[in-house]
């Protein structure tokens, strides 16, 4: 492996860190990714205006935006005004016009393919979006001290996706330089934080034929030097909005003429927390946001809940979702209102396959810097990479979601979150080693 691949990872990660963008608005991020992939070399690309012949050791296909996914399957897509704001910001920052054209309308992300003839078809999925969190600016925070703090106020890479993109590019470059035989596909997936990007990538054209899928995350309370070869028990989840519609009226003069949407909403919230838990496994429900009303003397006509349900299995999540919808419908009817539930985003449960996790574990044991290889661990949260994992597994393939430990000074999704950059090289070695081993051992 070229030393320059490893040496460039820190700088690349810091560049990505400076420009976080939210779900389906990763326009500048996608432009940066295309630049990095083209630096490796592109023999053939899929989007018009993005064709550039290059050497035989480069990337054989690069699909950008709509071409990289099943566009009608997107979830959690923001409104046009919000998309246009981030689109214009990316253009002002210098994003490439050809990439912007391919991504216009919120079709962000890309897929890069190396086609090296006979051999296994292996995929790697990494996520690319940031979070609406104001990044810390004190000198104790490395990005602020070293000058690569987020340039988008109120937005930061607080979950390591800047590291994930860096790892994805480095592994792509390392495999391109190697004697790998087979097909290697890297999915740079948008909209993970809102759970909206996994399904369109899973149902897109580049998942077809993938026999082995690796997904990667840094940290998650695992320290630098620890590698979990395959997580288990990610929670199936569904994020929902519920709109309650009633009838406004003057609260003092004619209260009997109103149908109070706030009453309906409040009843639904209270009853949601009373939904019985399931004997077959863990279930959760949470109402995280409520919006309602105009002023104190008007009976509210409209109210909205933003909520989520989770389950230890997909079936348990669906059971909770059905019960939650029934609670909302009944609460609305009780108060003479109507309730309309919309699924904002969701993801299934998919566990790592033990055979593939064992292979990754064996590779991790021989990687410098790994002092605690762990074969499996419970995840306990949700991730829409499970859509891609499920697609591969349903087609008879194997998938594993691995965690590369990194010391982080604060929890994920907090202003002081950062990664230990030593973990970048560890991830590169574990993933490229696993890809090489799959290719060598596949019947």
Protein backbone atom coordinates (compact mmCIF):
# COMPACT_ATOMS: atom_id res chain seq x y z
CA UNK A 1 0.00 0.00 0.00
CA UNK A 2 1.28 3.45 -0.90
CA UNK A 3 2.43 5.46 2.10
CA UNK A 4 0.87 8.55 0.52
CA UNK A 5 -2.61 7.08 1.00
CA UNK A 6 -2.17 6.89 4.76
CA UNK A 7 -0.32 10.21 4.96
CA UNK A 8 -3.14 12.07 3.22
CA UNK A 9 -5.91 10.82 5.46
CA UNK A 10 -5.61 13.42 8.23
CA UNK A 11 -5.63 16.37 5.84
CA UNK A 12 -8.56 14.92 3.91
CA UNK A 13 -10.55 14.29 7.07
CA UNK A 14 -9.96 17.85 8.25
CA UNK A 15 -11.15 19.23 4.93
CA UNK A 16 -14.38 17.25 5.14
CA UNK A 17 -14.77 18.36 8.76
CA UNK A 18 -14.80 22.04 7.77
CA UNK A 19 -17.83 21.72 5.50
CA UNK A 20 -20.57 19.68 7.18
CA UNK A 21 -23.93 19.62 5.44
CA UNK A 22 -27.24 18.10 6.55
CA UNK A 23 -29.23 15.25 5.01
CA UNK A 24 -29.91 15.56 1.26
CA UNK A 25 -28.07 18.90 1.25
CA UNK A 26 -24.54 17.47 0.99
CA UNK A 27 -23.88 19.32 -2.29
CA UNK A 28 -20.41 20.65 -1.52
CA UNK A 29 -19.52 17.40 0.25
CA UNK A 30 -20.41 15.41 -2.87
CA UNK A 31 -18.30 17.79 -4.96
CA UNK A 32 -15.33 17.20 -2.66
CA UNK A 33 -15.85 13.44 -2.89
CA UNK A 34 -15.95 13.54 -6.70
CA UNK A 35 -12.71 15.53 -6.72
CA UNK A 36 -11.04 12.93 -4.49
CA UNK A 37 -12.29 10.01 -6.58
CA UNK A 38 -11.18 11.65 -9.81
CA UNK A 39 -7.77 12.16 -8.23
CA UNK A 40 -7.55 8.36 -8.00
CA UNK A 41 -8.49 8.25 -11.68
CA UNK A 42 -11.76 7.53 -13.43
CA UNK A 43 -11.96 5.36 -16.52
CA UNK A 44 -15.70 5.75 -17.04
CA UNK A 45 -18.36 7.73 -15.28
CA UNK A 46 -22.11 7.50 -15.40
CA UNK A 47 -23.42 11.06 -15.17
CA UNK A 48 -23.31 13.21 -18.29
CA UNK A 49 -20.70 15.90 -17.92
CA UNK A 50 -18.66 13.78 -15.54
CA UNK A 51 -16.73 11.67 -18.06
CA UNK A 52 -12.98 11.68 -18.07
CA UNK A 53 -10.95 8.78 -19.48
CA UNK A 54 -8.03 7.77 -17.32
CA UNK A 55 -5.64 4.93 -16.60
CA UNK A 56 -6.64 1.32 -16.14
CA UNK A 57 -5.90 1.33 -12.40
CA UNK A 58 -8.46 4.03 -11.63
CA UNK A 59 -12.14 3.86 -10.79
CA UNK A 60 -14.18 2.26 -13.55
CA UNK A 61 -17.52 3.91 -12.79
CA UNK A 62 -18.59 6.95 -10.81
CA UNK A 63 -22.31 7.53 -10.37
CA UNK A 64 -23.33 10.86 -8.86
CA UNK A 65 -26.69 11.97 -7.49
CA UNK A 66 -29.75 10.37 -9.05
CA UNK A 67 -27.61 7.84 -10.90
CA UNK A 68 -26.30 6.43 -7.61
CA UNK A 69 -29.67 5.48 -6.09
CA UNK A 70 -33.34 4.74 -6.59
CA UNK A 71 -34.41 8.40 -6.43
CA UNK A 72 -38.08 7.76 -5.71
CA UNK A 73 -37.18 5.89 -2.50
CA UNK A 74 -35.73 8.88 -0.62
CA UNK A 75 -37.09 9.59 2.85
CA UNK A 76 -36.78 12.62 5.15
CA UNK A 77 -36.32 15.03 2.24
CA UNK A 78 -36.42 18.72 3.27
CA UNK A 79 -38.56 21.27 1.46
CA UNK A 80 -37.47 23.05 -1.72
CA UNK A 81 -36.59 26.28 0.05
CA UNK A 82 -34.22 24.49 2.40
CA UNK A 83 -32.62 22.54 -0.44
CA UNK A 84 -32.13 25.69 -2.50
CA UNK A 85 -30.45 27.49 0.42
CA UNK A 86 -27.78 24.80 0.78
CA UNK A 87 -27.46 24.40 -2.98
CA UNK A 88 -26.68 28.12 -3.34
CA UNK A 89 -24.27 27.96 -0.41
CA UNK A 90 -22.39 25.08 -2.05
CA UNK A 91 -22.18 26.97 -5.33
CA UNK A 92 -20.84 30.05 -3.54
CA UNK A 93 -18.23 27.86 -1.82
CA UNK A 94 -16.95 26.63 -5.19
CA UNK A 95 -18.77 23.34 -5.69
CA UNK A 96 -18.40 21.98 -9.22
CA UNK A 97 -21.23 22.87 -11.59
CA UNK A 98 -21.36 19.36 -13.07
CA UNK A 99 -21.78 17.86 -9.60
CA UNK A 100 -24.37 20.45 -8.63
CA UNK A 101 -26.34 19.63 -11.76
CA UNK A 102 -26.25 15.91 -10.92
CA UNK A 103 -27.36 16.58 -7.32
CA UNK A 104 -29.92 19.34 -7.87
CA UNK A 105 -33.14 18.73 -6.00
CA UNK A 106 -31.40 17.01 -3.11
CA UNK A 107 -30.06 13.90 -4.84
CA UNK A 108 -26.69 13.88 -3.13
CA UNK A 109 -24.01 11.24 -2.62
CA UNK A 110 -22.18 9.02 -5.07
CA UNK A 111 -21.07 5.47 -5.79
CA UNK A 112 -17.61 4.47 -7.08
CA UNK A 113 -16.92 1.09 -8.69
CA UNK A 114 -13.69 -0.77 -9.38
CA UNK A 115 -14.22 -3.59 -11.89
CA UNK A 116 -11.21 -5.90 -11.87
CA UNK A 117 -12.63 -8.92 -13.66
CA UNK A 118 -13.33 -12.32 -12.14
CA UNK A 119 -13.75 -12.47 -8.38
CA UNK A 120 -16.14 -11.54 -5.59
CA UNK A 121 -18.38 -8.47 -5.62
CA UNK A 122 -17.62 -6.54 -2.42
CA UNK A 123 -19.26 -3.34 -1.17
CA UNK A 124 -18.27 -0.75 1.42
CA UNK A 125 -20.83 1.71 2.76
CA UNK A 126 -19.91 5.00 4.44
CA UNK A 127 -22.16 7.94 5.35
CA UNK A 128 -21.54 11.60 4.54
CA UNK A 129 -23.93 13.99 6.34
CA UNK A 130 -23.44 16.25 9.33
CA UNK A 131 -25.59 17.41 12.25
CA UNK A 132 -27.33 20.60 13.34
CA UNK A 133 -25.00 21.21 16.29
CA UNK A 134 -22.95 24.33 17.00
CA UNK A 135 -19.35 23.19 17.17
CA UNK A 136 -17.26 24.13 20.21
CA UNK A 137 -14.86 27.03 19.67
CA UNK A 138 -12.66 26.81 22.76
CA UNK A 139 -8.94 26.03 22.57
CA UNK A 140 -9.49 22.68 24.21
CA UNK A 141 -11.31 21.49 21.08
CA UNK A 142 -8.76 20.25 18.52
CA UNK A 143 -10.61 21.41 15.36
CA UNK A 144 -10.86 24.94 16.80
CA UNK A 145 -7.24 24.94 17.97
CA UNK A 146 -5.88 23.56 14.70
CA UNK A 147 -8.06 25.69 12.40
CA UNK A 148 -10.42 23.15 10.88
CA UNK A 149 -13.56 23.88 12.90
CA UNK A 150 -16.83 23.87 10.94
CA UNK A 151 -17.27 26.86 8.65
CA UNK A 152 -21.05 26.40 8.76
CA UNK A 153 -22.30 27.88 12.02
CA UNK A 154 -24.83 25.65 13.72
CA UNK A 155 -23.61 22.62 11.80
CA UNK A 156 -20.83 20.13 12.50
CA UNK A 157 -19.55 16.63 11.90
CA UNK A 158 -20.40 15.43 15.39
CA UNK A 159 -20.65 11.72 14.62
CA UNK A 160 -17.50 10.91 12.65
CA UNK A 161 -18.88 10.95 9.12
CA UNK A 162 -15.91 13.09 8.07
CA UNK A 163 -13.73 10.18 9.17
CA UNK A 164 -15.98 7.68 7.39
CA UNK A 165 -15.67 9.50 4.06
CA UNK A 166 -11.92 9.69 4.51
CA UNK A 167 -11.76 5.96 5.19
CA UNK A 168 -13.94 5.21 2.16
CA UNK A 169 -11.71 7.23 -0.19
CA UNK A 170 -8.51 5.71 1.24
CA UNK A 171 -9.79 2.13 0.95
CA UNK A 172 -10.95 2.81 -2.61
CA UNK A 173 -7.50 4.14 -3.50
CA UNK A 174 -5.69 1.26 -1.79
CA UNK A 175 -7.77 -1.39 -3.55
CA UNK A 176 -7.32 0.44 -6.87
CA UNK A 177 -3.52 0.23 -6.41
CA UNK A 178 -3.59 -3.45 -5.43
CA UNK A 179 -3.81 -6.70 -7.37
CA UNK A 180 -7.43 -7.15 -6.29
CA UNK A 181 -9.50 -9.32 -8.60
CA UNK A 182 -13.27 -8.83 -8.56
CA UNK A 183 -15.60 -5.87 -8.18
CA UNK A 184 -15.34 -3.35 -5.37
CA UNK A 185 -18.07 -0.74 -4.85
CA UNK A 186 -18.02 2.14 -2.36
CA UNK A 187 -21.37 3.68 -1.41
CA UNK A 188 -20.99 7.27 -0.18
CA UNK A 189 -24.47 7.43 1.33
CA UNK A 190 -26.26 10.68 2.17
CA UNK A 191 -28.86 11.35 4.85
CA UNK A 192 -27.96 8.79 7.50
CA UNK A 193 -28.67 11.06 10.44
CA UNK A 194 -32.29 11.45 9.34
CA UNK A 195 -32.52 7.81 8.28
CA UNK A 196 -33.42 8.83 4.74
CA UNK A 197 -30.57 7.67 2.51
CA UNK A 198 -30.17 3.96 3.18
CA UNK A 199 -33.26 2.74 1.37
CA UNK A 200 -32.66 4.56 -1.94
CA UNK A 201 -29.06 3.31 -2.04
CA UNK A 202 -30.16 -0.23 -1.13
CA UNK A 203 -32.72 -0.23 -3.93
CA UNK A 204 -30.45 1.50 -6.42
CA UNK A 205 -28.68 -0.12 -9.36
CA UNK A 206 -25.31 -0.63 -7.69
CA UNK A 207 -26.50 -3.01 -4.97
CA UNK A 208 -27.34 -5.69 -7.49
CA UNK A 209 -24.87 -8.55 -7.29
CA UNK A 210 -23.08 -7.42 -4.11
CA UNK A 211 -22.02 -10.62 -2.34
CA UNK A 212 -20.18 -9.13 0.65
CA UNK A 213 -20.93 -5.79 2.31
CA UNK A 214 -18.83 -4.02 4.92
CA UNK A 215 -20.15 -0.99 6.80
CA UNK A 216 -18.02 1.04 9.19
CA UNK A 217 -18.41 3.50 12.04
CA UNK A 218 -15.79 5.06 14.31
CA UNK A 219 -16.07 5.42 18.06
CA UNK A 220 -19.45 4.58 19.60
CA UNK A 221 -17.70 4.47 22.99
CA UNK A 222 -15.08 2.00 21.77
CA UNK A 223 -11.56 3.41 22.37
CA UNK A 224 -8.70 3.69 19.93
CA UNK A 225 -7.16 0.25 19.43
CA UNK A 226 -10.42 -1.63 19.80
CA UNK A 227 -12.18 -3.00 16.72
CA UNK A 228 -15.59 -4.66 16.79
CA UNK A 229 -15.77 -6.95 13.76
CA UNK A 230 -19.57 -7.11 13.59
CA UNK A 231 -22.29 -5.44 15.60
CA UNK A 232 -25.54 -7.13 16.59
CA UNK A 233 -28.99 -5.93 17.62
CA UNK A 234 -29.31 -2.58 15.89
CA UNK A 235 -32.79 -1.33 16.70
CA UNK A 236 -35.38 -1.07 13.96
CA UNK A 237 -36.82 2.44 14.07
CA UNK A 238 -39.47 4.68 12.56
CA UNK A 239 -39.52 8.49 12.77
CA UNK A 240 -43.00 9.96 12.33
CA UNK A 241 -44.85 13.24 12.16
CA UNK A 242 -48.50 13.39 13.22
CA UNK A 243 -50.65 16.37 12.27
CA UNK A 244 -53.79 16.99 14.35
CA UNK A 245 -56.47 19.13 12.73
CA UNK A 246 -59.40 20.57 14.67
CA UNK A 247 -61.54 23.71 14.60
CA UNK A 248 -60.45 27.09 15.93
CA UNK A 249 -62.75 29.21 18.05
CA UNK A 250 -62.60 32.01 20.62
CA UNK A 251 -61.68 30.38 23.92
CA UNK A 252 -63.85 32.77 25.99
CA UNK A 253 -66.77 33.64 23.76
CA UNK A 254 -67.48 30.33 22.02
CA UNK A 255 -65.35 27.47 23.40
CA UNK A 256 -68.05 24.93 22.56
CA UNK A 257 -67.61 25.61 18.85
CA UNK A 258 -63.96 24.59 18.82
CA UNK A 259 -62.26 21.23 18.36
CA UNK A 260 -59.03 21.57 20.28
CA UNK A 261 -56.03 20.14 18.43
CA UNK A 262 -53.83 20.74 21.49
CA UNK A 263 -56.11 18.56 23.61
CA UNK A 264 -55.93 15.82 20.99
CA UNK A 265 -52.17 16.13 20.78
CA UNK A 266 -51.69 16.16 24.56
CA UNK A 267 -53.88 13.09 24.97
CA UNK A 268 -51.90 11.30 22.28
CA UNK A 269 -48.58 12.16 23.93
CA UNK A 270 -49.76 10.95 27.32
CA UNK A 271 -51.22 7.73 25.95
CA UNK A 272 -48.19 7.01 23.76
CA UNK A 273 -46.03 6.60 26.84
CA UNK A 274 -48.57 4.13 28.16
CA UNK A 275 -48.24 1.72 25.22
CA UNK A 276 -47.34 -1.66 26.78
CA UNK A 277 -43.87 -2.98 26.14
CA UNK A 278 -43.56 -6.31 24.34
CA UNK A 279 -42.64 -9.64 25.92
CA UNK A 280 -40.65 -10.72 22.85
CA UNK A 281 -38.07 -7.94 23.03
CA UNK A 282 -37.18 -4.34 23.78
CA UNK A 283 -39.46 -1.59 22.44
CA UNK A 284 -39.33 2.18 22.85
CA UNK A 285 -41.46 5.20 22.05
CA UNK A 286 -40.58 8.86 22.37
CA UNK A 287 -42.24 12.14 21.45
CA UNK A 288 -39.38 14.52 20.87
CA UNK A 289 -41.10 17.64 19.58
CA UNK A 290 -44.55 19.24 19.71
CA UNK A 291 -45.81 22.33 17.91
CA UNK A 292 -49.22 23.92 18.38
CA UNK A 293 -51.32 27.01 18.84
CA UNK A 294 -51.22 30.71 18.10
CA UNK A 295 -52.20 32.59 21.26
CA UNK A 296 -53.76 32.03 24.66
CA UNK A 297 -57.37 32.97 23.81
CA UNK A 298 -57.75 30.88 20.64
CA UNK A 299 -58.60 27.19 20.60
CA UNK A 300 -55.88 25.64 18.50
CA UNK A 301 -56.87 24.32 15.09
CA UNK A 302 -53.54 22.64 14.29
CA UNK A 303 -50.92 20.72 16.25
CA UNK A 304 -48.01 18.47 15.31
CA UNK A 305 -46.04 15.70 17.02
CA UNK A 306 -42.61 14.48 15.96
CA UNK A 307 -42.05 11.05 17.44
CA UNK A 308 -40.18 7.80 17.05
CA UNK A 309 -40.69 4.15 17.86
CA UNK A 310 -37.97 1.50 18.03
CA UNK A 311 -37.96 -2.23 18.37
CA UNK A 312 -35.47 -5.01 18.94
CA UNK A 313 -36.74 -6.53 15.71
CA UNK A 314 -38.40 -5.03 12.64
CA UNK A 315 -41.64 -6.79 13.54
CA UNK A 316 -41.63 -5.30 17.04
CA UNK A 317 -40.99 -1.83 15.61
CA UNK A 318 -43.93 -2.28 13.22
CA UNK A 319 -46.09 -3.39 16.14
CA UNK A 320 -45.17 -0.25 18.10
CA UNK A 321 -45.82 1.93 15.08
CA UNK A 322 -49.28 0.44 14.64
CA UNK A 323 -50.12 0.97 18.30
CA UNK A 324 -48.80 4.53 18.20
CA UNK A 325 -50.92 5.34 15.14
CA UNK A 326 -53.98 3.88 16.86
CA UNK A 327 -53.34 6.02 19.95
CA UNK A 328 -53.09 9.17 17.83
CA UNK A 329 -56.21 8.37 15.81
CA UNK A 330 -58.22 7.61 18.94
CA UNK A 331 -57.01 10.74 20.74
CA UNK A 332 -58.00 12.87 17.77
CA UNK A 333 -61.45 11.28 17.53
CA UNK A 334 -62.01 11.78 21.28
CA UNK A 335 -61.64 15.54 20.84
CA UNK A 336 -63.43 15.90 17.52
CA UNK A 337 -60.22 16.23 15.51
CA UNK A 338 -58.45 14.30 12.79
CA UNK A 339 -54.94 12.84 12.88
CA UNK A 340 -52.69 12.29 9.87
CA UNK A 341 -49.53 10.21 10.45
CA UNK A 342 -46.63 10.41 8.00
CA UNK A 343 -43.53 8.24 8.23
CA UNK A 344 -40.54 10.58 8.02
CA UNK A 345 -37.95 7.82 7.85
CA UNK A 346 -37.33 4.32 9.11
CA UNK A 347 -34.90 1.44 9.03
CA UNK A 348 -35.05 -2.31 9.70
CA UNK A 349 -32.92 -4.47 11.96
CA UNK A 350 -30.11 -6.37 10.28
CA UNK A 351 -27.38 -8.20 12.22
CA UNK A 352 -23.84 -8.82 11.07
CA UNK A 353 -23.27 -12.28 9.63
CA UNK A 354 -21.05 -14.32 11.98
CA UNK A 355 -18.95 -15.77 9.12
CA UNK A 356 -17.99 -12.34 7.80
CA UNK A 357 -17.49 -10.89 11.28
CA UNK A 358 -15.12 -13.77 12.07
CA UNK A 359 -13.10 -12.99 8.95
CA UNK A 360 -12.84 -9.30 9.89
CA UNK A 361 -11.91 -10.25 13.44
CA UNK A 362 -9.08 -12.44 12.17
CA UNK A 363 -7.75 -9.59 10.05
CA UNK A 364 -8.03 -7.06 12.89
CA UNK A 365 -5.94 -9.30 15.16
CA UNK A 366 -2.96 -8.77 12.84
CA UNK A 367 -3.29 -5.01 12.31
CA UNK A 368 -0.80 -2.69 13.98
CA UNK A 369 -2.52 -0.47 16.52
CA UNK A 370 -5.32 -2.94 17.27
CA UNK A 371 -4.84 -4.14 20.83
CA UNK A 372 -8.37 -5.36 21.50
CA UNK A 373 -10.12 -7.06 18.57
CA UNK A 374 -13.69 -7.93 19.53
CA UNK A 375 -15.71 -10.32 17.37
CA UNK A 376 -19.17 -8.92 18.17
CA UNK A 377 -20.98 -6.41 20.37
CA UNK A 378 -24.51 -5.10 20.76
CA UNK A 379 -25.24 -1.84 18.98
CA UNK A 380 -28.26 -0.59 20.90
CA UNK A 381 -29.06 2.24 18.49
CA UNK A 382 -30.39 2.51 14.93
CA UNK A 383 -28.66 2.85 11.57
CA UNK A 384 -30.07 2.90 8.04
CA UNK A 385 -27.08 0.94 6.73
CA UNK A 386 -29.33 -1.95 7.71
CA UNK A 387 -31.26 -1.39 4.47
CA UNK A 388 -28.12 -2.21 2.49
CA UNK A 389 -27.20 -5.08 4.79
CA UNK A 390 -30.68 -6.57 4.47
CA UNK A 391 -30.59 -6.26 0.67
CA UNK A 392 -27.32 -8.20 0.49
CA UNK A 393 -28.45 -10.82 3.00
CA UNK A 394 -31.82 -11.33 1.31
CA UNK A 395 -29.94 -12.06 -1.93
CA UNK A 396 -27.83 -14.72 -0.21
CA UNK A 397 -24.77 -12.57 0.55
CA UNK A 398 -22.98 -11.66 3.78
CA UNK A 399 -22.82 -8.30 5.56
CA UNK A 400 -21.00 -6.99 8.59
CA UNK A 401 -21.12 -3.63 10.34
CA UNK A 402 -17.82 -3.01 12.08
CA UNK A 403 -16.80 -0.39 14.61
CA UNK A 404 -13.29 1.03 14.62
CA UNK A 405 -12.70 2.42 18.07
CA UNK A 406 -11.57 6.01 18.47
CA UNK A 407 -10.95 8.07 21.58
CA UNK A 408 -13.47 10.90 21.51
CA UNK A 409 -13.38 13.60 24.16
CA UNK A 410 -17.17 13.85 24.38
CA UNK A 411 -20.14 11.76 23.32
CA UNK A 412 -21.38 11.57 19.76
CA UNK A 413 -23.78 14.39 18.76
CA UNK A 414 -22.19 16.91 21.12
CA UNK A 415 -20.28 20.19 20.41
CA UNK A 416 -16.91 18.80 21.57
CA UNK A 417 -17.07 15.52 19.66
CA UNK A 418 -13.87 14.73 17.78
CA UNK A 419 -12.00 11.63 16.62
CA UNK A 420 -8.54 10.30 17.35
CA UNK A 421 -6.95 10.52 13.91
CA UNK A 422 -4.79 7.45 14.63
CA UNK A 423 -7.96 5.41 14.09
CA UNK A 424 -8.08 6.40 10.39
CA UNK A 425 -5.08 4.25 9.50
CA UNK A 426 -6.39 1.38 11.62
CA UNK A 427 -9.68 1.44 9.72
CA UNK A 428 -7.81 1.52 6.40
CA UNK A 429 -5.75 -1.55 7.31
CA UNK A 430 -8.66 -3.56 8.73
CA UNK A 431 -10.91 -2.88 5.76
CA UNK A 432 -8.34 -3.39 3.00
CA UNK A 433 -7.08 -6.51 4.76
CA UNK A 434 -10.63 -7.85 4.99
CA UNK A 435 -11.26 -7.16 1.30
CA UNK A 436 -8.04 -8.94 0.36
CA UNK A 437 -8.96 -11.92 2.56
CA UNK A 438 -12.46 -12.19 1.11
CA UNK A 439 -11.00 -12.19 -2.41
CA UNK A 440 -8.41 -14.82 -1.46
CA UNK A 441 -10.81 -17.16 0.35
CA UNK A 442 -13.94 -16.93 -1.79
CA UNK A 443 -14.59 -20.28 -3.47
